[in-house]
C-alpha cells in the first residue's frame, strides 16, 4: 500500500470523491504544510498556520496508479488557481501535491508537463515534500456522505461528484 496526499480546495469534496475509487483503502481529511503542531480547523481557516486542507489516501498501486489519482485530482479542482477554489479563498485551499517519494515527485512533474497544454491558464499546483500529517477533527471525516443535504454539499460537492463519476465510472466502486 502507498500513500498520496493532495490539496485542492475544501477537503470535503476531495475526500468524498476518493472514497469511491477502487484500490483506495483509506481516505482521511487533514492538514499538512504548515508551521505549527496540532492545528485545529479554526486555526487553519485563519490562513495563519500555513497548512493546507488535504486528503491523505492509502491506495493499492496494483489497482489504481498514482498517475490516475493525479488525473482525478485535476478533474476535481482547478489546478490553475493556487489559493482559491470557487468561493473558498486562502492558502489553506491551495492546489498542492505533497509527495512521499522521489518517484511521486517525478511522476507529478511529468504529469503536469503532459497535461499543461490542455489548460488555458498556467498550472500553479505546488509540489512539496510530505511532512507531518495532522488528521482533521472527526466531524470532517467522510463529511459529504454523512451530510449530503447540507447546503455546501448539495450545491457544490454533488455536481463535482457527478462529473467525477462520469469521467471515471470504470474506476469507481459499485
N, C-alpha and C. Protein backbone atom coordinates (compact mmCIF):
# COMPACT_ATOMS: atom_id res chain seq x y z
N UNK A 1 0.83 -1.17 0.00
CA UNK A 1 0.00 0.00 0.00
C UNK A 1 0.88 1.25 0.00
N UNK A 2 0.43 2.24 -0.79
CA UNK A 2 1.14 3.51 -0.88
C UNK A 2 0.24 4.63 -0.35
N UNK A 3 0.84 5.79 -0.13
CA UNK A 3 0.12 6.94 0.38
C UNK A 3 0.31 8.11 -0.57
N UNK A 4 -0.77 8.84 -0.82
CA UNK A 4 -0.74 10.09 -1.59
C UNK A 4 -1.43 11.15 -0.75
N UNK A 5 -0.93 12.39 -0.83
CA UNK A 5 -1.54 13.49 -0.09
C UNK A 5 -1.75 14.66 -1.03
N UNK A 6 -3.02 15.08 -1.16
CA UNK A 6 -3.40 16.12 -2.11
C UNK A 6 -4.21 17.22 -1.43
N UNK A 7 -3.98 18.44 -1.89
CA UNK A 7 -4.82 19.57 -1.51
C UNK A 7 -5.41 20.18 -2.77
N UNK A 8 -6.69 20.50 -2.72
CA UNK A 8 -7.35 21.08 -3.88
C UNK A 8 -8.64 21.76 -3.48
N UNK A 9 -8.54 22.71 -2.57
CA UNK A 9 -9.73 23.37 -2.07
C UNK A 9 -10.20 22.70 -0.80
N UNK A 10 -11.47 22.83 -0.51
CA UNK A 10 -12.06 22.23 0.68
C UNK A 10 -11.87 20.72 0.64
N UNK A 11 -11.42 20.15 1.73
CA UNK A 11 -11.14 18.71 1.72
C UNK A 11 -12.38 17.85 1.65
N UNK A 12 -13.56 18.38 1.93
CA UNK A 12 -14.77 17.57 1.89
C UNK A 12 -15.02 16.97 0.52
N UNK A 13 -14.80 17.75 -0.55
CA UNK A 13 -15.05 17.26 -1.90
C UNK A 13 -14.03 16.21 -2.31
N UNK A 14 -12.78 16.49 -2.07
CA UNK A 14 -11.71 15.56 -2.45
C UNK A 14 -11.90 14.25 -1.70
N UNK A 15 -12.21 14.34 -0.42
CA UNK A 15 -12.45 13.18 0.43
C UNK A 15 -13.58 12.33 -0.16
N UNK A 16 -14.70 12.98 -0.47
CA UNK A 16 -15.88 12.26 -0.98
C UNK A 16 -15.58 11.52 -2.27
N UNK A 17 -14.83 12.13 -3.15
CA UNK A 17 -14.53 11.50 -4.44
C UNK A 17 -13.60 10.30 -4.29
N UNK A 18 -12.52 10.47 -3.57
CA UNK A 18 -11.54 9.39 -3.48
C UNK A 18 -12.05 8.19 -2.69
N UNK A 19 -13.03 8.39 -1.85
CA UNK A 19 -13.63 7.26 -1.13
C UNK A 19 -14.33 6.30 -2.09
N UNK A 20 -14.64 6.74 -3.30
CA UNK A 20 -15.37 5.93 -4.27
C UNK A 20 -14.45 5.14 -5.21
N UNK A 21 -13.16 5.33 -5.11
CA UNK A 21 -12.21 4.79 -6.09
C UNK A 21 -11.76 3.37 -5.72
N UNK A 22 -11.87 2.47 -6.68
CA UNK A 22 -11.35 1.11 -6.50
C UNK A 22 -9.85 1.18 -6.22
N UNK A 23 -9.41 0.40 -5.26
CA UNK A 23 -8.00 0.37 -4.91
C UNK A 23 -7.62 1.34 -3.81
N UNK A 24 -8.52 2.24 -3.46
CA UNK A 24 -8.28 3.15 -2.34
C UNK A 24 -8.87 2.50 -1.09
N UNK A 25 -8.01 2.25 -0.11
CA UNK A 25 -8.47 1.56 1.09
C UNK A 25 -8.77 2.51 2.25
N UNK A 26 -8.21 3.72 2.19
CA UNK A 26 -8.44 4.66 3.30
C UNK A 26 -8.27 6.08 2.79
N UNK A 27 -9.17 6.96 3.23
CA UNK A 27 -9.10 8.39 2.94
C UNK A 27 -9.29 9.13 4.25
N UNK A 28 -8.40 10.07 4.50
CA UNK A 28 -8.51 10.84 5.74
C UNK A 28 -8.28 12.32 5.44
N UNK A 29 -9.21 13.15 5.88
CA UNK A 29 -9.06 14.59 5.74
C UNK A 29 -8.14 15.11 6.83
N UNK A 30 -7.32 16.11 6.48
CA UNK A 30 -6.41 16.65 7.48
C UNK A 30 -5.69 17.88 6.98
N UNK A 31 -4.56 18.13 7.61
CA UNK A 31 -3.79 19.35 7.35
C UNK A 31 -2.31 18.99 7.18
N UNK A 32 -1.64 19.70 6.26
CA UNK A 32 -0.22 19.49 6.04
C UNK A 32 0.38 20.78 5.51
N UNK A 33 1.68 20.93 5.74
CA UNK A 33 2.42 22.01 5.11
C UNK A 33 2.52 23.29 5.91
N UNK A 34 2.13 23.25 7.16
CA UNK A 34 2.16 24.46 7.97
C UNK A 34 3.32 24.51 8.94
N UNK A 35 3.27 25.47 9.82
CA UNK A 35 4.39 25.70 10.74
C UNK A 35 4.02 25.61 12.22
N UNK A 36 2.84 25.10 12.55
CA UNK A 36 2.51 24.86 13.95
C UNK A 36 2.11 23.40 14.11
N UNK A 37 2.30 22.87 15.30
CA UNK A 37 1.92 21.50 15.60
C UNK A 37 0.45 21.42 15.97
N UNK A 38 -0.16 20.32 15.62
CA UNK A 38 -1.54 20.01 16.00
C UNK A 38 -2.52 21.14 15.71
N UNK A 39 -2.60 21.58 14.46
CA UNK A 39 -3.51 22.68 14.14
C UNK A 39 -4.97 22.23 14.25
N UNK A 40 -5.82 23.18 14.53
CA UNK A 40 -7.26 22.94 14.54
C UNK A 40 -7.85 23.51 13.26
N UNK A 41 -9.06 23.11 12.95
CA UNK A 41 -9.75 23.63 11.77
C UNK A 41 -9.86 25.14 11.84
N UNK A 42 -10.23 25.65 12.99
CA UNK A 42 -10.38 27.10 13.16
C UNK A 42 -9.06 27.81 12.90
N UNK A 43 -7.96 27.26 13.40
CA UNK A 43 -6.65 27.88 13.18
C UNK A 43 -6.25 27.82 11.71
N UNK A 44 -6.48 26.68 11.07
CA UNK A 44 -6.14 26.53 9.65
C UNK A 44 -6.97 27.50 8.81
N UNK A 45 -8.26 27.64 9.14
CA UNK A 45 -9.14 28.55 8.40
C UNK A 45 -8.71 30.00 8.51
N UNK A 46 -7.96 30.33 9.54
CA UNK A 46 -7.48 31.72 9.68
C UNK A 46 -6.46 32.06 8.61
N UNK A 47 -5.86 31.02 8.00
CA UNK A 47 -4.82 31.24 7.00
C UNK A 47 -3.47 31.56 7.60
N UNK A 48 -3.35 31.53 8.91
CA UNK A 48 -2.11 31.93 9.57
C UNK A 48 -1.18 30.77 9.93
N UNK A 49 -1.65 29.53 9.78
CA UNK A 49 -0.82 28.38 10.18
C UNK A 49 0.07 27.88 9.05
N UNK A 50 -0.26 28.24 7.82
CA UNK A 50 0.48 27.75 6.67
C UNK A 50 0.04 26.39 6.18
N UNK A 51 -0.89 25.75 6.88
CA UNK A 51 -1.35 24.43 6.47
C UNK A 51 -2.34 24.51 5.31
N UNK A 52 -2.36 23.46 4.53
CA UNK A 52 -3.38 23.27 3.50
C UNK A 52 -4.37 22.22 3.99
N UNK A 53 -5.63 22.38 3.61
CA UNK A 53 -6.59 21.29 3.81
C UNK A 53 -6.23 20.22 2.78
N UNK A 54 -6.01 19.01 3.25
CA UNK A 54 -5.59 17.93 2.36
C UNK A 54 -6.39 16.66 2.65
N UNK A 55 -6.27 15.73 1.73
CA UNK A 55 -6.70 14.36 1.99
C UNK A 55 -5.49 13.46 1.84
N UNK A 56 -5.38 12.52 2.76
CA UNK A 56 -4.33 11.53 2.67
C UNK A 56 -4.99 10.22 2.27
N UNK A 57 -4.50 9.64 1.19
CA UNK A 57 -5.12 8.50 0.53
C UNK A 57 -4.18 7.31 0.61
N UNK A 58 -4.66 6.20 1.12
CA UNK A 58 -3.90 4.95 1.09
C UNK A 58 -4.47 4.13 -0.05
N UNK A 59 -3.58 3.68 -0.94
CA UNK A 59 -4.06 3.00 -2.14
C UNK A 59 -3.16 1.84 -2.54
N UNK A 60 -3.74 0.94 -3.32
CA UNK A 60 -3.04 -0.23 -3.85
C UNK A 60 -2.68 0.08 -5.29
N UNK A 61 -1.40 0.27 -5.56
CA UNK A 61 -0.96 0.66 -6.90
C UNK A 61 -1.20 -0.44 -7.94
N UNK A 62 -1.49 -1.64 -7.51
CA UNK A 62 -1.83 -2.70 -8.47
C UNK A 62 -3.23 -2.51 -9.03
N UNK A 63 -4.04 -1.70 -8.32
CA UNK A 63 -5.43 -1.46 -8.73
C UNK A 63 -5.59 -0.07 -9.34
N UNK A 64 -4.97 0.93 -8.72
CA UNK A 64 -5.06 2.30 -9.20
C UNK A 64 -3.69 2.95 -9.06
N UNK A 65 -3.23 3.56 -10.13
CA UNK A 65 -1.88 4.15 -10.13
C UNK A 65 -1.89 5.55 -9.51
N UNK A 66 -0.73 5.98 -9.08
CA UNK A 66 -0.56 7.34 -8.57
C UNK A 66 -0.91 8.33 -9.67
N UNK A 67 -0.53 8.05 -10.90
CA UNK A 67 -0.84 8.96 -12.01
C UNK A 67 -2.36 9.09 -12.21
N UNK A 68 -3.08 7.99 -12.07
CA UNK A 68 -4.54 8.06 -12.18
C UNK A 68 -5.13 8.91 -11.05
N UNK A 69 -4.58 8.78 -9.86
CA UNK A 69 -5.03 9.61 -8.75
C UNK A 69 -4.76 11.09 -9.04
N UNK A 70 -3.62 11.39 -9.65
CA UNK A 70 -3.33 12.77 -10.05
C UNK A 70 -4.36 13.27 -11.06
N UNK A 71 -4.66 12.44 -12.04
CA UNK A 71 -5.66 12.82 -13.04
C UNK A 71 -7.00 13.11 -12.37
N UNK A 72 -7.37 12.29 -11.41
CA UNK A 72 -8.62 12.50 -10.68
C UNK A 72 -8.59 13.83 -9.93
N UNK A 73 -7.47 14.12 -9.28
CA UNK A 73 -7.33 15.38 -8.56
C UNK A 73 -7.53 16.56 -9.50
N UNK A 74 -6.96 16.47 -10.70
CA UNK A 74 -7.04 17.59 -11.64
C UNK A 74 -8.42 17.73 -12.26
N UNK A 75 -9.25 16.71 -12.18
CA UNK A 75 -10.65 16.82 -12.59
C UNK A 75 -11.48 17.44 -11.46
N UNK A 76 -11.09 17.15 -10.22
CA UNK A 76 -11.85 17.60 -9.05
C UNK A 76 -11.66 19.07 -8.71
N UNK A 77 -10.54 19.65 -9.13
CA UNK A 77 -10.29 21.05 -8.77
C UNK A 77 -9.60 21.74 -9.93
N UNK A 78 -9.46 23.04 -9.83
CA UNK A 78 -8.81 23.83 -10.87
C UNK A 78 -7.35 24.05 -10.50
N UNK A 79 -6.43 23.35 -11.15
CA UNK A 79 -5.02 23.47 -10.81
C UNK A 79 -4.37 24.77 -11.28
N UNK A 80 -5.16 25.62 -11.92
CA UNK A 80 -4.64 26.94 -12.34
C UNK A 80 -4.94 28.00 -11.29
N UNK A 81 -5.61 27.61 -10.23
CA UNK A 81 -5.93 28.52 -9.13
C UNK A 81 -5.14 28.08 -7.90
N UNK A 82 -4.16 28.87 -7.48
CA UNK A 82 -3.30 28.46 -6.38
C UNK A 82 -4.00 28.51 -5.03
N UNK A 83 -4.52 29.63 -4.66
CA UNK A 83 -5.09 29.82 -3.33
C UNK A 83 -6.58 30.10 -3.37
N UNK A 84 -7.25 29.47 -4.32
CA UNK A 84 -8.68 29.68 -4.45
C UNK A 84 -9.30 28.51 -5.21
N UNK A 85 -10.41 28.02 -4.70
CA UNK A 85 -11.24 27.06 -5.41
C UNK A 85 -12.67 27.52 -5.20
N UNK A 86 -13.25 28.11 -6.24
CA UNK A 86 -14.61 28.65 -6.12
C UNK A 86 -14.65 29.77 -5.09
N UNK A 87 -15.57 29.64 -4.14
CA UNK A 87 -15.70 30.65 -3.09
C UNK A 87 -14.72 30.45 -1.94
N UNK A 88 -13.98 29.36 -1.95
CA UNK A 88 -13.01 29.10 -0.90
C UNK A 88 -11.69 29.78 -1.27
N UNK A 89 -11.32 30.78 -0.47
CA UNK A 89 -10.15 31.59 -0.76
C UNK A 89 -9.19 31.57 0.42
N UNK A 90 -7.91 31.38 0.13
CA UNK A 90 -6.88 31.40 1.16
C UNK A 90 -5.85 30.32 0.92
N UNK A 91 -4.71 30.46 1.54
CA UNK A 91 -3.63 29.49 1.35
C UNK A 91 -4.01 28.09 1.81
N UNK A 92 -4.97 28.00 2.72
CA UNK A 92 -5.40 26.68 3.20
C UNK A 92 -6.14 25.89 2.13
N UNK A 93 -6.55 26.57 1.05
CA UNK A 93 -7.26 25.90 -0.05
C UNK A 93 -6.37 25.73 -1.28
N UNK A 94 -5.07 25.85 -1.10
CA UNK A 94 -4.17 25.82 -2.24
C UNK A 94 -4.15 24.47 -2.94
N UNK A 95 -3.79 24.54 -4.20
CA UNK A 95 -3.60 23.36 -5.03
C UNK A 95 -2.19 22.85 -4.75
N UNK A 96 -2.09 21.63 -4.21
CA UNK A 96 -0.78 21.11 -3.82
C UNK A 96 -0.76 19.59 -3.86
N UNK A 97 0.37 19.06 -4.29
CA UNK A 97 0.66 17.63 -4.18
C UNK A 97 1.83 17.52 -3.22
N UNK A 98 1.61 16.81 -2.12
CA UNK A 98 2.70 16.52 -1.18
C UNK A 98 3.22 15.14 -1.53
N UNK A 99 4.44 15.08 -2.04
CA UNK A 99 4.97 13.79 -2.50
C UNK A 99 5.62 13.04 -1.34
N UNK A 100 5.49 11.70 -1.39
CA UNK A 100 6.01 10.82 -0.35
C UNK A 100 7.26 10.07 -0.80
N UNK A 101 7.66 10.28 -2.04
CA UNK A 101 8.87 9.63 -2.56
C UNK A 101 9.36 10.42 -3.76
N UNK A 102 10.61 10.18 -4.14
CA UNK A 102 11.14 10.82 -5.34
C UNK A 102 10.37 10.38 -6.58
N UNK A 103 9.87 9.15 -6.56
CA UNK A 103 9.08 8.65 -7.68
C UNK A 103 7.78 9.45 -7.82
N UNK A 104 7.10 9.73 -6.71
CA UNK A 104 5.88 10.55 -6.78
C UNK A 104 6.20 11.95 -7.25
N UNK A 105 7.32 12.50 -6.81
CA UNK A 105 7.72 13.84 -7.25
C UNK A 105 7.92 13.85 -8.76
N UNK A 106 8.67 12.88 -9.26
CA UNK A 106 8.95 12.79 -10.69
C UNK A 106 7.67 12.56 -11.49
N UNK A 107 6.82 11.68 -11.02
CA UNK A 107 5.56 11.40 -11.73
C UNK A 107 4.68 12.64 -11.78
N UNK A 108 4.66 13.41 -10.70
CA UNK A 108 3.84 14.62 -10.66
C UNK A 108 4.37 15.65 -11.65
N UNK A 109 5.67 15.86 -11.67
CA UNK A 109 6.27 16.81 -12.62
C UNK A 109 5.97 16.40 -14.06
N UNK A 110 6.12 15.12 -14.36
CA UNK A 110 5.85 14.63 -15.72
C UNK A 110 4.37 14.77 -16.06
N UNK A 111 3.50 14.48 -15.11
CA UNK A 111 2.06 14.61 -15.33
C UNK A 111 1.69 16.05 -15.64
N UNK A 112 2.18 16.99 -14.84
CA UNK A 112 1.87 18.40 -15.06
C UNK A 112 2.37 18.86 -16.42
N UNK A 113 3.56 18.44 -16.79
CA UNK A 113 4.11 18.81 -18.10
C UNK A 113 3.24 18.27 -19.23
N UNK A 114 2.74 17.04 -19.04
CA UNK A 114 1.92 16.40 -20.08
C UNK A 114 0.55 17.06 -20.22
N UNK A 115 -0.08 17.45 -19.10
CA UNK A 115 -1.44 17.99 -19.18
C UNK A 115 -1.50 19.50 -19.33
N UNK A 116 -0.40 20.19 -19.08
CA UNK A 116 -0.39 21.66 -19.13
C UNK A 116 -0.97 22.23 -20.42
N UNK A 117 -0.67 21.66 -21.60
CA UNK A 117 -1.22 22.23 -22.84
C UNK A 117 -2.75 22.17 -22.93
N UNK A 118 -3.38 21.37 -22.08
CA UNK A 118 -4.84 21.22 -22.11
C UNK A 118 -5.56 22.25 -21.24
N UNK A 119 -4.79 23.11 -20.59
CA UNK A 119 -5.37 24.16 -19.75
C UNK A 119 -5.10 25.51 -20.38
N UNK A 120 -6.08 26.40 -20.29
CA UNK A 120 -5.92 27.72 -20.89
C UNK A 120 -5.04 28.64 -20.04
N UNK A 121 -4.91 28.34 -18.78
CA UNK A 121 -4.05 29.09 -17.86
C UNK A 121 -2.91 28.18 -17.39
N UNK A 122 -1.89 28.81 -16.83
CA UNK A 122 -0.73 28.06 -16.32
C UNK A 122 -1.12 27.26 -15.07
N UNK A 123 -0.66 26.02 -14.99
CA UNK A 123 -0.89 25.19 -13.81
C UNK A 123 0.01 25.72 -12.70
N UNK A 124 -0.58 25.99 -11.54
CA UNK A 124 0.15 26.56 -10.41
C UNK A 124 0.20 25.62 -9.21
N UNK A 125 -0.19 24.39 -9.40
CA UNK A 125 -0.18 23.41 -8.32
C UNK A 125 1.21 23.34 -7.71
N UNK A 126 1.27 23.48 -6.39
CA UNK A 126 2.54 23.35 -5.68
C UNK A 126 2.93 21.88 -5.59
N UNK A 127 4.22 21.65 -5.55
CA UNK A 127 4.76 20.32 -5.34
C UNK A 127 5.71 20.43 -4.16
N UNK A 128 5.36 19.77 -3.06
CA UNK A 128 6.13 19.88 -1.82
C UNK A 128 6.35 18.50 -1.22
N UNK A 129 7.46 18.34 -0.55
CA UNK A 129 7.72 17.09 0.14
C UNK A 129 6.73 16.94 1.29
N UNK A 130 6.19 15.73 1.44
CA UNK A 130 5.22 15.48 2.51
C UNK A 130 5.91 15.68 3.85
N UNK A 131 5.18 16.31 4.74
CA UNK A 131 5.64 16.49 6.11
C UNK A 131 4.70 15.78 7.05
N UNK A 132 4.55 16.34 8.22
CA UNK A 132 3.66 15.75 9.21
C UNK A 132 2.21 15.97 8.78
N UNK A 133 1.45 14.90 8.80
CA UNK A 133 0.02 14.96 8.50
C UNK A 133 -0.73 15.00 9.82
N UNK A 134 -1.61 15.99 9.93
CA UNK A 134 -2.47 16.11 11.10
C UNK A 134 -3.90 15.81 10.69
N UNK A 135 -4.49 14.80 11.30
CA UNK A 135 -5.86 14.44 10.99
C UNK A 135 -6.80 15.56 11.40
N UNK A 136 -7.77 15.83 10.53
CA UNK A 136 -8.79 16.83 10.86
C UNK A 136 -9.73 16.27 11.92
N UNK A 137 -10.48 17.14 12.50
CA UNK A 137 -11.44 16.75 13.52
C UNK A 137 -12.40 15.70 12.98
N UNK A 138 -12.92 14.88 13.86
CA UNK A 138 -13.76 13.75 13.48
C UNK A 138 -14.92 14.16 12.58
N UNK A 139 -15.55 15.29 12.86
CA UNK A 139 -16.73 15.67 12.08
C UNK A 139 -16.39 16.02 10.62
N UNK A 140 -15.11 16.18 10.29
CA UNK A 140 -14.71 16.43 8.90
C UNK A 140 -14.52 15.14 8.10
N UNK A 141 -14.38 14.02 8.76
CA UNK A 141 -14.12 12.76 8.08
C UNK A 141 -15.39 12.26 7.41
N UNK A 142 -15.28 11.96 6.12
CA UNK A 142 -16.41 11.46 5.33
C UNK A 142 -17.61 12.41 5.42
N UNK A 143 -17.31 13.70 5.45
CA UNK A 143 -18.33 14.73 5.69
C UNK A 143 -19.47 14.67 4.68
N UNK A 144 -19.14 14.56 3.42
CA UNK A 144 -20.19 14.57 2.39
C UNK A 144 -21.18 13.42 2.58
N UNK A 145 -20.67 12.22 2.75
CA UNK A 145 -21.56 11.06 2.88
C UNK A 145 -22.42 11.13 4.14
N UNK A 146 -21.92 11.80 5.16
CA UNK A 146 -22.68 11.93 6.40
C UNK A 146 -23.62 13.13 6.40
N UNK A 147 -23.41 14.06 5.46
CA UNK A 147 -24.20 15.30 5.43
C UNK A 147 -24.59 15.69 4.00
N UNK A 148 -25.14 14.78 3.20
CA UNK A 148 -25.39 15.09 1.78
C UNK A 148 -26.39 16.21 1.55
N UNK A 149 -27.26 16.48 2.51
CA UNK A 149 -28.27 17.52 2.34
C UNK A 149 -27.78 18.89 2.81
N UNK A 150 -26.63 18.95 3.45
CA UNK A 150 -26.07 20.23 3.90
C UNK A 150 -25.85 21.09 2.66
N UNK A 151 -26.08 22.39 2.75
CA UNK A 151 -26.05 23.28 1.59
C UNK A 151 -24.78 23.19 0.76
N UNK A 152 -23.62 23.28 1.40
CA UNK A 152 -22.35 23.23 0.68
C UNK A 152 -22.24 21.91 -0.08
N UNK A 153 -22.66 20.83 0.57
CA UNK A 153 -22.57 19.51 -0.05
C UNK A 153 -23.49 19.38 -1.26
N UNK A 154 -24.74 19.78 -1.11
CA UNK A 154 -25.69 19.59 -2.20
C UNK A 154 -25.45 20.54 -3.36
N UNK A 155 -25.00 21.76 -3.08
CA UNK A 155 -24.82 22.75 -4.13
C UNK A 155 -23.45 22.65 -4.81
N UNK A 156 -22.40 22.41 -4.04
CA UNK A 156 -21.05 22.44 -4.61
C UNK A 156 -20.42 21.07 -4.81
N UNK A 157 -20.58 20.18 -3.85
CA UNK A 157 -19.89 18.88 -3.95
C UNK A 157 -20.64 17.91 -4.87
N UNK A 158 -21.94 17.83 -4.74
CA UNK A 158 -22.70 16.87 -5.56
C UNK A 158 -22.44 17.03 -7.05
N UNK A 159 -22.45 18.25 -7.61
CA UNK A 159 -22.16 18.38 -9.05
C UNK A 159 -20.73 17.94 -9.41
N UNK A 160 -19.77 18.23 -8.53
CA UNK A 160 -18.39 17.78 -8.80
C UNK A 160 -18.31 16.26 -8.80
N UNK A 161 -19.02 15.63 -7.88
CA UNK A 161 -19.01 14.17 -7.82
C UNK A 161 -19.68 13.56 -9.04
N UNK A 162 -20.72 14.20 -9.54
CA UNK A 162 -21.39 13.71 -10.75
C UNK A 162 -20.43 13.76 -11.93
N UNK A 163 -19.73 14.86 -12.09
CA UNK A 163 -18.73 15.00 -13.16
C UNK A 163 -17.62 13.96 -12.99
N UNK A 164 -17.15 13.81 -11.78
CA UNK A 164 -16.10 12.84 -11.45
C UNK A 164 -16.56 11.43 -11.80
N UNK A 165 -17.79 11.10 -11.42
CA UNK A 165 -18.33 9.76 -11.68
C UNK A 165 -18.46 9.47 -13.16
N UNK A 166 -18.84 10.46 -13.95
CA UNK A 166 -18.94 10.27 -15.40
C UNK A 166 -17.56 10.04 -16.01
N UNK A 167 -16.60 10.80 -15.55
CA UNK A 167 -15.25 10.74 -16.11
C UNK A 167 -14.52 9.45 -15.74
N UNK A 168 -14.78 8.93 -14.54
CA UNK A 168 -14.01 7.79 -14.03
C UNK A 168 -14.89 6.60 -13.67
N UNK A 169 -16.03 6.44 -14.30
CA UNK A 169 -17.01 5.41 -13.93
C UNK A 169 -16.40 4.03 -13.77
N UNK A 170 -15.53 3.64 -14.67
CA UNK A 170 -14.96 2.29 -14.62
C UNK A 170 -14.00 2.08 -13.45
N UNK A 171 -13.57 3.15 -12.82
CA UNK A 171 -12.62 3.05 -11.71
C UNK A 171 -13.28 3.20 -10.34
N UNK A 172 -14.60 3.32 -10.32
CA UNK A 172 -15.29 3.57 -9.07
C UNK A 172 -15.95 2.29 -8.55
N UNK A 173 -16.06 2.22 -7.22
CA UNK A 173 -16.76 1.11 -6.59
C UNK A 173 -18.24 1.18 -6.95
N UNK A 174 -18.85 0.03 -7.03
CA UNK A 174 -20.28 -0.03 -7.37
C UNK A 174 -21.12 0.50 -6.25
